[in-house]
Amino acid sequence: MSLGLSFALLHDAFFAAIAAAGFGSIANPPLKALAAAAILGAVGHGLRFYLMHALAMHSIPASFLGALSAASLAYAVALKLRFPIEVLTFPAILPMVPGIPAYTSMLMLIKFLRCTDEVQAQEYLLAVWRNGFSALFILSALVAGMVMPMLLLHRTSQRMTRVRASVSGEHD
């Protein structure tokens, strides 16, 4: 891996950690959970960046593997810190949401609706479909990557939540 790619990977992971910490801070979790979510966001987004840029993988499977890695690591961290998995997983996955394709799709839709030239309108409509489906499939890949560990480790997830609830004195 070249020095430029290594620097870009660290840059991407750093800003993904900041975004994950920002998204996580909305729920006002303990600092340990916020730091863990930031690290998980950096790992997941960094893996996605590496797969897309170093291995030339398409963004959909790269997003799936990034979300899967962040969610899988979140299980180990959540078990150790005794936090619900969602406190760590959701903020870590949110920086991977495809904002640019979704925004571009909406922008091209507005241009399509205002366009009077038929050839240009077809190009706008094609851009709406291409970007819209790209955003949809990336979101689907993120959800699948995030949910897969929860489905496979369902009993562990329930135990972590129930242990946390019994420690705080809450009842089911």
C-alpha atoms as a PDB file:
ATOM      1  CA  MET A   1       0.000   0.000   0.000  1.00  0.00           C
ATOM      2  CA  SER A   2       1.392   3.373  -1.006  1.00  0.00           C
ATOM      3  CA  LEU A   3       2.064   6.188   1.403  1.00  0.00           C
ATOM      4  CA  GLY A   4      -0.629   8.341  -0.222  1.00  0.00           C
ATOM      5  CA  LEU A   5      -3.250   5.627   0.160  1.00  0.00           C
ATOM      6  CA  SER A   6      -2.202   5.023   3.771  1.00  0.00           C
ATOM      7  CA  PHE A   7      -2.565   8.717   4.545  1.00  0.00           C
ATOM      8  CA  ALA A   8      -5.953   8.854   2.793  1.00  0.00           C
ATOM      9  CA  LEU A   9      -7.087   5.788   4.763  1.00  0.00           C
ATOM     10  CA  LEU A  10      -6.077   7.361   8.095  1.00  0.00           C
ATOM     11  CA  HIS A  11      -7.725  10.627   7.055  1.00  0.00           C
ATOM     12  CA  ASP A  12     -10.947   8.810   6.176  1.00  0.00           C
ATOM     13  CA  ALA A  13     -10.938   6.760   9.385  1.00  0.00           C
ATOM     14  CA  PHE A  14     -10.244   9.853  11.515  1.00  0.00           C
ATOM     15  CA  PHE A  15     -13.161  11.819  10.135  1.00  0.00           C
ATOM     16  CA  ALA A  16     -15.434   8.771  10.298  1.00  0.00           C
ATOM     17  CA  ALA A  17     -14.565   8.510  14.002  1.00  0.00           C
ATOM     18  CA  ILE A  18     -15.504  12.151  14.512  1.00  0.00           C
ATOM     19  CA  ALA A  19     -18.795  11.630  12.667  1.00  0.00           C
ATOM     20  CA  ALA A  20     -19.568   8.480  14.662  1.00  0.00           C
ATOM     21  CA  ALA A  21     -18.839  10.300  17.918  1.00  0.00           C
ATOM     22  CA  GLY A  22     -21.095  13.143  16.799  1.00  0.00           C
ATOM     23  CA  PHE A  23     -23.943  10.803  15.935  1.00  0.00           C
ATOM     24  CA  GLY A  24     -23.410   8.879  19.160  1.00  0.00           C
ATOM     25  CA  SER A  25     -23.444  11.983  21.312  1.00  0.00           C
ATOM     26  CA  ILE A  26     -27.074  12.632  20.359  1.00  0.00           C
ATOM     27  CA  ALA A  27     -28.183   9.837  22.712  1.00  0.00           C
ATOM     28  CA  ASN A  28     -25.909  11.106  25.526  1.00  0.00           C
ATOM     29  CA  PRO A  29     -24.175   7.771  26.239  1.00  0.00           C
ATOM     30  CA  PRO A  30     -21.326   7.313  28.712  1.00  0.00           C
ATOM     31  CA  LEU A  31     -17.890   8.383  27.457  1.00  0.00           C
ATOM     32  CA  LYS A  32     -16.718   4.770  27.175  1.00  0.00           C
ATOM     33  CA  ALA A  33     -19.547   3.976  24.768  1.00  0.00           C
ATOM     34  CA  LEU A  34     -18.931   7.143  22.779  1.00  0.00           C
ATOM     35  CA  ALA A  35     -15.227   6.379  22.406  1.00  0.00           C
ATOM     36  CA  ALA A  36     -15.984   2.783  21.416  1.00  0.00           C
ATOM     37  CA  ALA A  37     -18.524   3.919  18.812  1.00  0.00           C
ATOM     38  CA  ALA A  38     -15.961   6.325  17.371  1.00  0.00           C
ATOM     39  CA  ILE A  39     -13.343   3.580  17.078  1.00  0.00           C
ATOM     40  CA  LEU A  40     -15.872   1.195  15.531  1.00  0.00           C
ATOM     41  CA  GLY A  41     -16.902   3.875  13.045  1.00  0.00           C
ATOM     42  CA  ALA A  42     -13.270   4.412  12.092  1.00  0.00           C
ATOM     43  CA  VAL A  43     -12.710   0.669  11.643  1.00  0.00           C
ATOM     44  CA  GLY A  44     -15.850   0.091   9.578  1.00  0.00           C
ATOM     45  CA  HIS A  45     -15.472   3.161   7.390  1.00  0.00           C
ATOM     46  CA  GLY A  46     -11.729   2.591   7.069  1.00  0.00           C
ATOM     47  CA  LEU A  47     -12.289  -0.980   5.899  1.00  0.00           C
ATOM     48  CA  ARG A  48     -14.871   0.238   3.406  1.00  0.00           C
ATOM     49  CA  PHE A  49     -12.426   2.881   2.129  1.00  0.00           C
ATOM     50  CA  TYR A  50      -9.617   0.336   1.827  1.00  0.00           C
ATOM     51  CA  LEU A  51     -11.769  -2.153  -0.055  1.00  0.00           C
ATOM     52  CA  MET A  52     -13.012   0.501  -2.461  1.00  0.00           C
ATOM     53  CA  HIS A  53      -9.682   2.221  -3.141  1.00  0.00           C
ATOM     54  CA  ALA A  54      -6.989  -0.410  -2.679  1.00  0.00           C
ATOM     55  CA  LEU A  55      -8.886  -3.451  -3.952  1.00  0.00           C
ATOM     56  CA  ALA A  56     -11.240  -1.605  -6.362  1.00  0.00           C
ATOM     57  CA  MET A  57     -14.307  -3.250  -4.826  1.00  0.00           C
ATOM     58  CA  HIS A  58     -17.698  -1.770  -5.640  1.00  0.00           C
ATOM     59  CA  SER A  59     -19.240   0.403  -2.930  1.00  0.00           C
ATOM     60  CA  ILE A  60     -22.133  -1.977  -2.221  1.00  0.00           C
ATOM     61  CA  PRO A  61     -20.151  -5.048  -1.069  1.00  0.00           C
ATOM     62  CA  ALA A  62     -17.549  -2.776   0.525  1.00  0.00           C
ATOM     63  CA  SER A  63     -20.293  -1.082   2.546  1.00  0.00           C
ATOM     64  CA  PHE A  64     -21.685  -4.461   3.561  1.00  0.00           C
ATOM     65  CA  LEU A  65     -18.276  -5.681   4.776  1.00  0.00           C
ATOM     66  CA  GLY A  66     -17.581  -2.400   6.577  1.00  0.00           C
ATOM     67  CA  ALA A  67     -20.914  -2.558   8.394  1.00  0.00           C
ATOM     68  CA  LEU A  68     -20.454  -6.254   9.138  1.00  0.00           C
ATOM     69  CA  SER A  69     -17.021  -5.652  10.642  1.00  0.00           C
ATOM     70  CA  ALA A  70     -18.191  -2.715  12.769  1.00  0.00           C
ATOM     71  CA  ALA A  71     -21.257  -4.607  14.000  1.00  0.00           C
ATOM     72  CA  SER A  72     -19.272  -7.769  14.731  1.00  0.00           C
ATOM     73  CA  LEU A  73     -16.638  -5.879  16.695  1.00  0.00           C
ATOM     74  CA  ALA A  74     -19.395  -4.006  18.501  1.00  0.00           C
ATOM     75  CA  TYR A  75     -20.584  -7.293  19.973  1.00  0.00           C
ATOM     76  CA  ALA A  76     -17.264  -7.943  21.644  1.00  0.00           C
ATOM     77  CA  VAL A  77     -17.010  -4.369  22.900  1.00  0.00           C
ATOM     78  CA  ALA A  78     -20.639  -4.268  24.081  1.00  0.00           C
ATOM     79  CA  LEU A  79     -20.208  -7.517  25.952  1.00  0.00           C
ATOM     80  CA  LYS A  80     -17.102  -6.209  27.693  1.00  0.00           C
ATOM     81  CA  LEU A  81     -18.551  -2.771  28.505  1.00  0.00           C
ATOM     82  CA  ARG A  82     -22.067  -4.139  29.220  1.00  0.00           C
ATOM     83  CA  PHE A  83     -23.852  -1.772  26.871  1.00  0.00           C
ATOM     84  CA  PRO A  84     -26.641  -2.610  24.448  1.00  0.00           C
ATOM     85  CA  ILE A  85     -25.212  -3.333  21.022  1.00  0.00           C
ATOM     86  CA  GLU A  86     -27.303  -0.591  19.412  1.00  0.00           C
ATOM     87  CA  VAL A  87     -25.527   2.121  21.413  1.00  0.00           C
ATOM     88  CA  LEU A  88     -22.313   1.196  19.632  1.00  0.00           C
ATOM     89  CA  THR A  89     -23.491  -0.019  16.244  1.00  0.00           C
ATOM     90  CA  PHE A  90     -25.819   2.725  15.029  1.00  0.00           C
ATOM     91  CA  PRO A  91     -23.369   5.629  15.438  1.00  0.00           C
ATOM     92  CA  ALA A  92     -20.586   3.555  13.861  1.00  0.00           C
ATOM     93  CA  ILE A  93     -22.680   2.754  10.770  1.00  0.00           C
ATOM     94  CA  LEU A  94     -24.213   6.200  10.185  1.00  0.00           C
ATOM     95  CA  PRO A  95     -21.101   7.778   8.589  1.00  0.00           C
ATOM     96  CA  MET A  96     -21.370   5.176   5.806  1.00  0.00           C
ATOM     97  CA  VAL A  97     -24.868   6.298   4.772  1.00  0.00           C
ATOM     98  CA  PRO A  98     -24.694   7.269   1.066  1.00  0.00           C
ATOM     99  CA  GLY A  99     -25.485  10.970   1.242  1.00  0.00           C
ATOM    100  CA  ILE A 100     -23.989  11.995  -2.088  1.00  0.00           C
ATOM    101  CA  PRO A 101     -25.904   9.491  -4.266  1.00  0.00           C
ATOM    102  CA  ALA A 102     -29.162  10.280  -2.441  1.00  0.00           C
ATOM    103  CA  TYR A 103     -28.601  14.036  -2.792  1.00  0.00           C
ATOM    104  CA  THR A 104     -27.627  13.704  -6.448  1.00  0.00           C
ATOM    105  CA  SER A 105     -30.718  11.608  -7.125  1.00  0.00           C
ATOM    106  CA  MET A 106     -32.988  14.266  -5.625  1.00  0.00           C
ATOM    107  CA  LEU A 107     -31.165  17.068  -7.456  1.00  0.00           C
ATOM    108  CA  MET A 108     -31.477  15.264 -10.800  1.00  0.00           C
ATOM    109  CA  LEU A 109     -35.165  14.600 -10.104  1.00  0.00           C
ATOM    110  CA  ILE A 110     -35.768  18.311  -9.636  1.00  0.00           C
ATOM    111  CA  LYS A 111     -33.835  19.057 -12.834  1.00  0.00           C
ATOM    112  CA  PHE A 112     -35.840  16.377 -14.655  1.00  0.00           C
ATOM    113  CA  LEU A 113     -39.148  17.875 -13.529  1.00  0.00           C
ATOM    114  CA  ARG A 114     -38.109  21.349 -14.709  1.00  0.00           C
ATOM    115  CA  CYS A 115     -36.503  20.275 -17.971  1.00  0.00           C
ATOM    116  CA  THR A 116     -38.165  20.989 -21.317  1.00  0.00           C
ATOM    117  CA  ASP A 117     -35.584  19.348 -23.569  1.00  0.00           C
ATOM    118  CA  GLU A 118     -36.493  15.691 -24.093  1.00  0.00           C
ATOM    119  CA  VAL A 119     -32.919  14.426 -24.575  1.00  0.00           C
ATOM    120  CA  GLN A 120     -31.663  16.248 -21.490  1.00  0.00           C
ATOM    121  CA  ALA A 121     -34.687  14.999 -19.512  1.00  0.00           C
ATOM    122  CA  GLN A 122     -33.765  11.398 -20.355  1.00  0.00           C
ATOM    123  CA  GLU A 123     -30.216  11.988 -19.060  1.00  0.00           C
ATOM    124  CA  TYR A 124     -31.589  13.451 -15.839  1.00  0.00           C
ATOM    125  CA  LEU A 125     -33.981  10.538 -15.405  1.00  0.00           C
ATOM    126  CA  LEU A 126     -31.157   8.060 -15.964  1.00  0.00           C
ATOM    127  CA  ALA A 127     -29.106   9.865 -13.298  1.00  0.00           C
ATOM    128  CA  VAL A 128     -32.090   9.712 -10.912  1.00  0.00           C
ATOM    129  CA  TRP A 129     -32.358   5.940 -11.353  1.00  0.00           C
ATOM    130  CA  ARG A 130     -28.620   5.290 -11.211  1.00  0.00           C
ATOM    131  CA  ASN A 131     -28.012   7.359  -8.072  1.00  0.00           C
ATOM    132  CA  GLY A 132     -31.286   6.393  -6.409  1.00  0.00           C
ATOM    133  CA  PHE A 133     -30.715   2.674  -6.808  1.00  0.00           C
ATOM    134  CA  SER A 134     -27.085   3.041  -5.781  1.00  0.00           C
ATOM    135  CA  ALA A 135     -28.162   4.769  -2.550  1.00  0.00           C
ATOM    136  CA  LEU A 136     -30.889   2.177  -1.978  1.00  0.00           C
ATOM    137  CA  PHE A 137     -28.563  -0.791  -2.439  1.00  0.00           C
ATOM    138  CA  ILE A 138     -25.816   0.742  -0.298  1.00  0.00           C
ATOM    139  CA  LEU A 139     -28.359   1.365   2.476  1.00  0.00           C
ATOM    140  CA  SER A 140     -29.596  -2.204   2.112  1.00  0.00           C
ATOM    141  CA  ALA A 141     -26.033  -3.492   2.359  1.00  0.00           C
ATOM    142  CA  LEU A 142     -25.432  -1.419   5.492  1.00  0.00           C
ATOM    143  CA  VAL A 143     -28.589  -2.727   7.118  1.00  0.00           C
ATOM    144  CA  ALA A 144     -27.751  -6.327   6.196  1.00  0.00           C
ATOM    145  CA  GLY A 145     -24.209  -5.955   7.535  1.00  0.00           C
ATOM    146  CA  MET A 146     -25.453  -4.401  10.751  1.00  0.00           C
ATOM    147  CA  VAL A 147     -28.290  -6.873  11.348  1.00  0.00           C
ATOM    148  CA  MET A 148     -26.452 -10.084  10.464  1.00  0.00           C
ATOM    149  CA  PRO A 149     -24.434 -10.276  13.716  1.00  0.00           C
ATOM    150  CA  MET A 150     -27.564  -9.406  15.693  1.00  0.00           C
ATOM    151  CA  LEU A 151     -29.411 -12.317  14.102  1.00  0.00           C
ATOM    152  CA  LEU A 152     -26.554 -14.766  14.497  1.00  0.00           C
ATOM    153  CA  LEU A 153     -25.820 -13.799  18.094  1.00  0.00           C
ATOM    154  CA  HIS A 154     -29.386 -13.186  19.213  1.00  0.00           C
ATOM    155  CA  ARG A 155     -29.027 -14.882  22.592  1.00  0.00           C
ATOM    156  CA  THR A 156     -25.888 -12.912  23.409  1.00  0.00           C
ATOM    157  CA  SER A 157     -27.640  -9.685  22.463  1.00  0.00           C
ATOM    158  CA  GLN A 158     -30.587 -10.435  24.746  1.00  0.00           C
ATOM    159  CA  ARG A 159     -28.281 -11.421  27.589  1.00  0.00           C
ATOM    160  CA  MET A 160     -26.316  -8.162  27.322  1.00  0.00           C
ATOM    161  CA  THR A 161     -29.486  -6.083  27.401  1.00  0.00           C
ATOM    162  CA  ARG A 162     -30.986  -8.049  30.284  1.00  0.00           C
ATOM    163  CA  VAL A 163     -27.765  -7.913  32.314  1.00  0.00           C
ATOM    164  CA  ARG A 164     -27.686  -4.151  31.846  1.00  0.00           C
ATOM    165  CA  ALA A 165     -31.352  -3.825  32.829  1.00  0.00           C
ATOM    166  CA  SER A 166     -30.942  -6.000  35.924  1.00  0.00           C
ATOM    167  CA  VAL A 167     -27.896  -4.001  37.024  1.00  0.00           C
ATOM    168  CA  SER A 168     -29.827  -0.741  36.788  1.00  0.00           C
ATOM    169  CA  GLY A 169     -32.803  -2.202  38.696  1.00  0.00           C
ATOM    170  CA  GLU A 170     -35.289  -2.111  35.816  1.00  0.00           C
ATOM    171  CA  HIS A 171     -37.757  -4.919  35.244  1.00  0.00           C
ATOM    172  CA  ASP A 172     -38.850  -6.584  31.978  1.00  0.00           C
END
